[in-house]
Amino acid sequence: MSQPTLVIGNINWFRYASPQAFFPLAGAMIPWFAWAAALLCAAGFHVAAAWMSMFIYLVMAFWAGVGLVFNTRLSGMMATALAPTGALFTFIALWTGALWGKPTWGAWWVWDARLTSELILLFLYFGFMALQAAIDEPRRADRAGAVLALVGVVNIPIIYYSVKWWNTLHQGASVSLTSAPTMAATMLAGMLLMALAAWMYSIAASLHRVRSIIVERERGADWLVKYRNTVEP
């Protein structure tokens, strides 16, 4: 079976589906995204965390699906690396939402559609991580987690459209691709800045974590021994 190719700009990106090729690339990228996250956070989090909680789950499910279809090892590792960061942002979204909700709506928590579906998202992240941890063989764990991740994708549109489908405490979207923002420019700038910071953190954290997973799963591989001898003489 020939290796699939995806050539963009004279680069075969499928080459980086190999842990051996991706490991040094991830190491080189981590500092850039980590410093970008730190600088953006210093300049200017509930909305950003909520966005990232949903988006990271979609990315996690994407990598899990790629692993099932193409049987690539790195895809499963990427899904595993993304899950803790997604769970973190989901927890932050729920916690900051409670802090925001008390003075705004007079309640720390209500069982409305958006809050409940966001809580279900947190349980999906926990379930994904627990299922993988319960299976000793990594490839089997990746496949089992992938099935759960793909089934859980149905919850993402429920979270996003819950304010339109049901009567909830949450307002409609203040930022849309089809209409002008309904918030002040300064608030919009701060929100987008924090969203970008969350992106940078997510990428840096996930790359760092996937490198650790690669080291754990590939320990003893010739390429990793040679890499260590080159970087750490």
Protein backbone atom coordinates (compact mmCIF):
# COMPACT_ATOMS: atom_id res chain seq x y z
CA MET A 1 0.00 0.00 0.00
CA SER A 2 1.58 3.27 -1.14
CA GLN A 3 1.94 6.13 1.31
CA PRO A 4 -0.66 8.92 0.75
CA THR A 5 0.69 12.29 -0.28
CA LEU A 6 -0.46 15.83 0.34
CA VAL A 7 1.91 18.21 -1.42
CA ILE A 8 1.54 21.93 -0.67
CA GLY A 9 4.34 24.31 -1.56
CA ASN A 10 6.63 21.46 -2.66
CA ILE A 11 6.34 19.89 0.82
CA ASN A 12 4.83 16.46 1.32
CA TRP A 13 2.92 17.08 4.55
CA PHE A 14 2.12 13.39 4.99
CA ARG A 15 5.79 12.98 5.81
CA TYR A 16 5.04 14.54 9.20
CA ALA A 17 2.51 11.80 9.96
CA SER A 18 5.57 9.88 11.17
CA PRO A 19 6.49 10.48 14.84
CA GLN A 20 10.13 10.49 13.78
CA ALA A 21 9.61 13.44 11.42
CA PHE A 22 7.11 15.30 13.61
CA PHE A 23 9.07 15.13 16.88
CA PRO A 24 11.77 17.72 16.02
CA LEU A 25 9.23 19.91 14.19
CA ALA A 26 7.02 20.06 17.29
CA GLY A 27 10.02 20.93 19.45
CA ALA A 28 10.91 23.83 17.20
CA MET A 29 7.34 25.17 17.18
CA ILE A 30 6.62 25.05 20.94
CA PRO A 31 8.59 28.18 22.00
CA TRP A 32 6.98 30.33 19.32
CA PHE A 33 3.42 29.51 20.35
CA ALA A 34 4.22 29.58 24.08
CA TRP A 35 5.72 33.08 23.93
CA ALA A 36 2.89 34.29 21.71
CA ALA A 37 0.35 33.03 24.28
CA ALA A 38 2.20 34.71 27.15
CA LEU A 39 2.47 38.05 25.36
CA LEU A 40 -1.15 38.06 24.23
CA CYS A 41 -2.41 37.20 27.72
CA ALA A 42 -0.30 39.98 29.20
CA ALA A 43 -1.87 42.50 26.80
CA GLY A 44 -5.40 41.76 27.52
CA PHE A 45 -11.44 34.84 29.31
CA HIS A 46 -14.81 33.19 29.54
CA VAL A 47 -15.77 33.52 25.85
CA ALA A 48 -12.30 32.51 24.63
CA ALA A 49 -12.31 29.44 26.87
CA ALA A 50 -15.78 28.43 25.67
CA TRP A 51 -14.73 28.78 22.03
CA MET A 52 -11.60 26.71 22.59
CA SER A 53 -13.45 24.02 24.53
CA MET A 54 -15.60 23.32 21.46
CA PHE A 55 -12.94 23.83 18.81
CA ILE A 56 -10.35 21.61 20.50
CA TYR A 57 -12.92 18.82 20.71
CA LEU A 58 -13.54 19.08 16.97
CA VAL A 59 -9.79 18.99 16.29
CA MET A 60 -9.39 16.05 18.66
CA ALA A 61 -12.19 14.17 16.92
CA PHE A 62 -10.65 15.03 13.54
CA TRP A 63 -7.28 13.52 14.48
CA ALA A 64 -9.01 10.52 16.03
CA GLY A 65 -10.97 9.99 12.81
CA VAL A 66 -7.82 10.32 10.69
CA GLY A 67 -6.19 7.67 12.87
CA LEU A 68 -9.11 5.29 12.30
CA VAL A 69 -9.16 5.82 8.52
CA PHE A 70 -5.43 5.90 7.74
CA ASN A 71 -4.16 3.92 10.75
CA THR A 72 -1.48 6.55 11.44
CA ARG A 73 0.17 6.43 14.84
CA LEU A 74 0.72 10.17 15.16
CA SER A 75 -2.98 10.93 14.65
CA GLY A 76 -3.94 8.99 17.77
CA MET A 77 -1.13 10.65 19.70
CA MET A 78 -2.37 14.08 18.65
CA ALA A 79 -5.91 13.30 19.82
CA THR A 80 -4.54 12.09 23.14
CA ALA A 81 -2.41 15.21 23.52
CA LEU A 82 -5.32 17.58 22.83
CA ALA A 83 -7.78 16.10 25.33
CA PRO A 84 -6.33 17.54 28.60
CA THR A 85 -6.12 21.05 27.12
CA GLY A 86 -9.69 20.81 25.88
CA ALA A 87 -10.86 19.62 29.30
CA LEU A 88 -8.99 22.52 30.93
CA PHE A 89 -10.70 25.12 28.74
CA THR A 90 -14.09 23.50 29.29
CA PHE A 91 -13.59 23.65 33.06
CA ILE A 92 -12.46 27.28 32.82
CA ALA A 93 -15.50 28.14 30.70
CA LEU A 94 -17.86 26.58 33.25
CA TRP A 95 -16.12 28.14 36.25
CA THR A 96 -15.80 31.65 34.82
CA GLY A 97 -19.37 31.36 33.57
CA ALA A 98 -20.51 30.76 37.14
CA LEU A 99 -18.55 33.79 38.35
CA TRP A 100 -20.10 35.86 35.57
CA GLY A 101 -23.59 34.45 36.04
CA LYS A 102 -24.00 35.24 39.74
CA PRO A 103 -23.88 39.06 39.44
CA THR A 104 -25.53 39.06 36.01
CA TRP A 105 -28.38 36.57 36.41
CA GLY A 106 -28.40 36.07 40.18
CA ALA A 107 -27.46 32.39 40.03
CA TRP A 108 -24.21 30.46 40.02
CA TRP A 109 -25.73 27.66 37.96
CA VAL A 110 -28.95 26.80 36.19
CA TRP A 111 -29.70 23.70 34.15
CA ASP A 112 -30.27 25.51 30.89
CA ALA A 113 -29.38 24.02 27.51
CA ARG A 114 -26.00 25.69 27.01
CA LEU A 115 -24.67 25.12 30.52
CA THR A 116 -25.82 21.51 30.55
CA SER A 117 -24.38 20.71 27.10
CA GLU A 118 -21.08 22.37 28.07
CA LEU A 119 -20.98 20.21 31.20
CA ILE A 120 -21.60 17.15 29.01
CA LEU A 121 -18.60 18.26 26.92
CA LEU A 122 -16.43 18.18 30.04
CA PHE A 123 -17.66 14.65 30.77
CA LEU A 124 -16.85 13.65 27.18
CA TYR A 125 -13.27 14.85 27.60
CA PHE A 126 -12.98 12.99 30.91
CA GLY A 127 -14.54 9.89 29.36
CA PHE A 128 -12.11 10.00 26.43
CA MET A 129 -9.10 10.23 28.73
CA ALA A 130 -10.43 7.59 31.14
CA LEU A 131 -11.20 5.14 28.34
CA GLN A 132 -7.72 5.46 26.89
CA ALA A 133 -6.14 5.09 30.32
CA ALA A 134 -8.15 1.91 30.95
CA ILE A 135 -6.67 0.13 27.90
CA ASP A 136 -3.02 -0.90 28.15
CA GLU A 137 -2.28 -1.32 24.43
CA PRO A 138 -1.88 2.20 22.95
CA ARG A 139 -3.25 1.46 19.48
CA ARG A 140 -6.37 -0.20 20.89
CA ALA A 141 -6.76 2.72 23.28
CA ASP A 142 -6.52 5.15 20.35
CA ARG A 143 -9.21 3.31 18.40
CA ALA A 144 -11.58 3.06 21.36
CA GLY A 145 -11.09 6.73 22.21
CA ALA A 146 -11.63 7.68 18.58
CA VAL A 147 -15.06 6.05 18.50
CA LEU A 148 -16.12 7.95 21.63
CA ALA A 149 -14.70 11.22 20.31
CA LEU A 150 -16.53 10.91 16.99
CA VAL A 151 -19.84 10.05 18.68
CA GLY A 152 -19.44 13.03 21.01
CA VAL A 153 -19.13 15.48 18.11
CA VAL A 154 -22.93 15.65 18.01
CA ASN A 155 -22.76 17.68 21.24
CA ILE A 156 -20.82 20.57 19.63
CA PRO A 157 -23.67 21.94 17.45
CA ILE A 158 -26.00 21.49 20.42
CA ILE A 159 -23.77 23.80 22.49
CA TYR A 160 -23.41 26.34 19.70
CA TYR A 161 -27.06 26.51 18.63
CA SER A 162 -28.61 26.00 22.07
CA VAL A 163 -29.40 29.71 22.43
CA LYS A 164 -31.40 29.55 19.18
CA TRP A 165 -33.11 26.21 19.74
CA TRP A 166 -34.14 26.71 23.39
CA ASN A 167 -34.88 29.51 25.84
CA THR A 168 -31.65 29.97 27.82
CA LEU A 169 -30.06 32.64 29.98
CA HIS A 170 -27.33 33.12 27.43
CA GLN A 171 -27.65 35.81 24.81
CA GLY A 172 -27.15 35.18 21.11
CA ALA A 173 -23.81 35.43 19.39
CA SER A 174 -22.21 38.88 19.60
CA VAL A 175 -19.71 38.08 16.85
CA SER A 176 -20.77 36.64 13.50
CA LEU A 177 -19.19 36.19 10.10
CA THR A 178 -22.35 37.47 8.41
CA SER A 179 -23.06 40.62 10.43
CA ALA A 180 -21.31 43.42 12.30
CA PRO A 181 -20.33 42.81 15.96
CA THR A 182 -22.90 43.93 18.53
CA MET A 183 -20.37 44.84 21.23
CA ALA A 184 -18.11 47.83 21.82
CA ALA A 185 -14.87 47.88 19.85
CA THR A 186 -12.71 47.77 22.99
CA MET A 187 -14.55 44.70 24.30
CA LEU A 188 -14.32 43.02 20.91
CA ALA A 189 -10.56 43.68 20.71
CA GLY A 190 -10.00 42.25 24.19
CA MET A 191 -12.09 39.16 23.45
CA LEU A 192 -10.31 38.46 20.18
CA LEU A 193 -6.95 39.02 21.84
CA MET A 194 -7.77 36.47 24.52
CA ALA A 195 -9.07 34.05 21.91
CA LEU A 196 -5.76 34.32 20.05
CA ALA A 197 -3.87 33.80 23.32
CA ALA A 198 -5.94 30.68 23.97
CA TRP A 199 -5.04 29.41 20.50
CA MET A 200 -1.33 29.97 21.08
CA TYR A 201 -1.45 28.24 24.46
CA SER A 202 -3.41 25.29 23.08
CA ILE A 203 -0.94 24.71 20.27
CA ALA A 204 2.12 25.05 22.51
CA ALA A 205 0.68 22.78 25.23
CA SER A 206 -0.50 20.15 22.77
CA LEU A 207 2.82 20.05 20.93
CA HIS A 208 4.70 19.69 24.22
CA ARG A 209 2.37 16.92 25.33
CA VAL A 210 2.52 15.03 22.02
CA ARG A 211 6.32 15.05 22.18
CA SER A 212 6.10 13.42 25.62
CA ILE A 213 3.69 10.81 24.23
CA ILE A 214 6.04 10.12 21.31
CA VAL A 215 8.97 9.63 23.71
CA GLU A 216 6.87 7.25 25.84
CA ARG A 217 5.56 5.17 22.94
CA GLU A 218 8.69 5.23 20.77
CA ARG A 219 11.25 4.63 23.53
CA GLY A 220 13.94 2.32 22.27
CA ALA A 221 13.39 3.28 18.62
CA ASP A 222 16.63 3.84 16.75
CA TRP A 223 15.60 7.25 15.45
CA LEU A 224 14.82 8.52 18.97
CA VAL A 225 18.14 7.26 20.34
CA LYS A 226 19.97 9.00 17.47
CA TYR A 227 17.96 12.19 18.03
CA ARG A 228 18.80 12.27 21.71
CA ASN A 229 22.49 11.68 20.98
CA THR A 230 22.41 14.55 18.49
CA VAL A 231 20.57 17.06 20.71
CA GLU A 232 22.09 15.95 24.02
CA PRO A 233 25.67 14.84 23.28
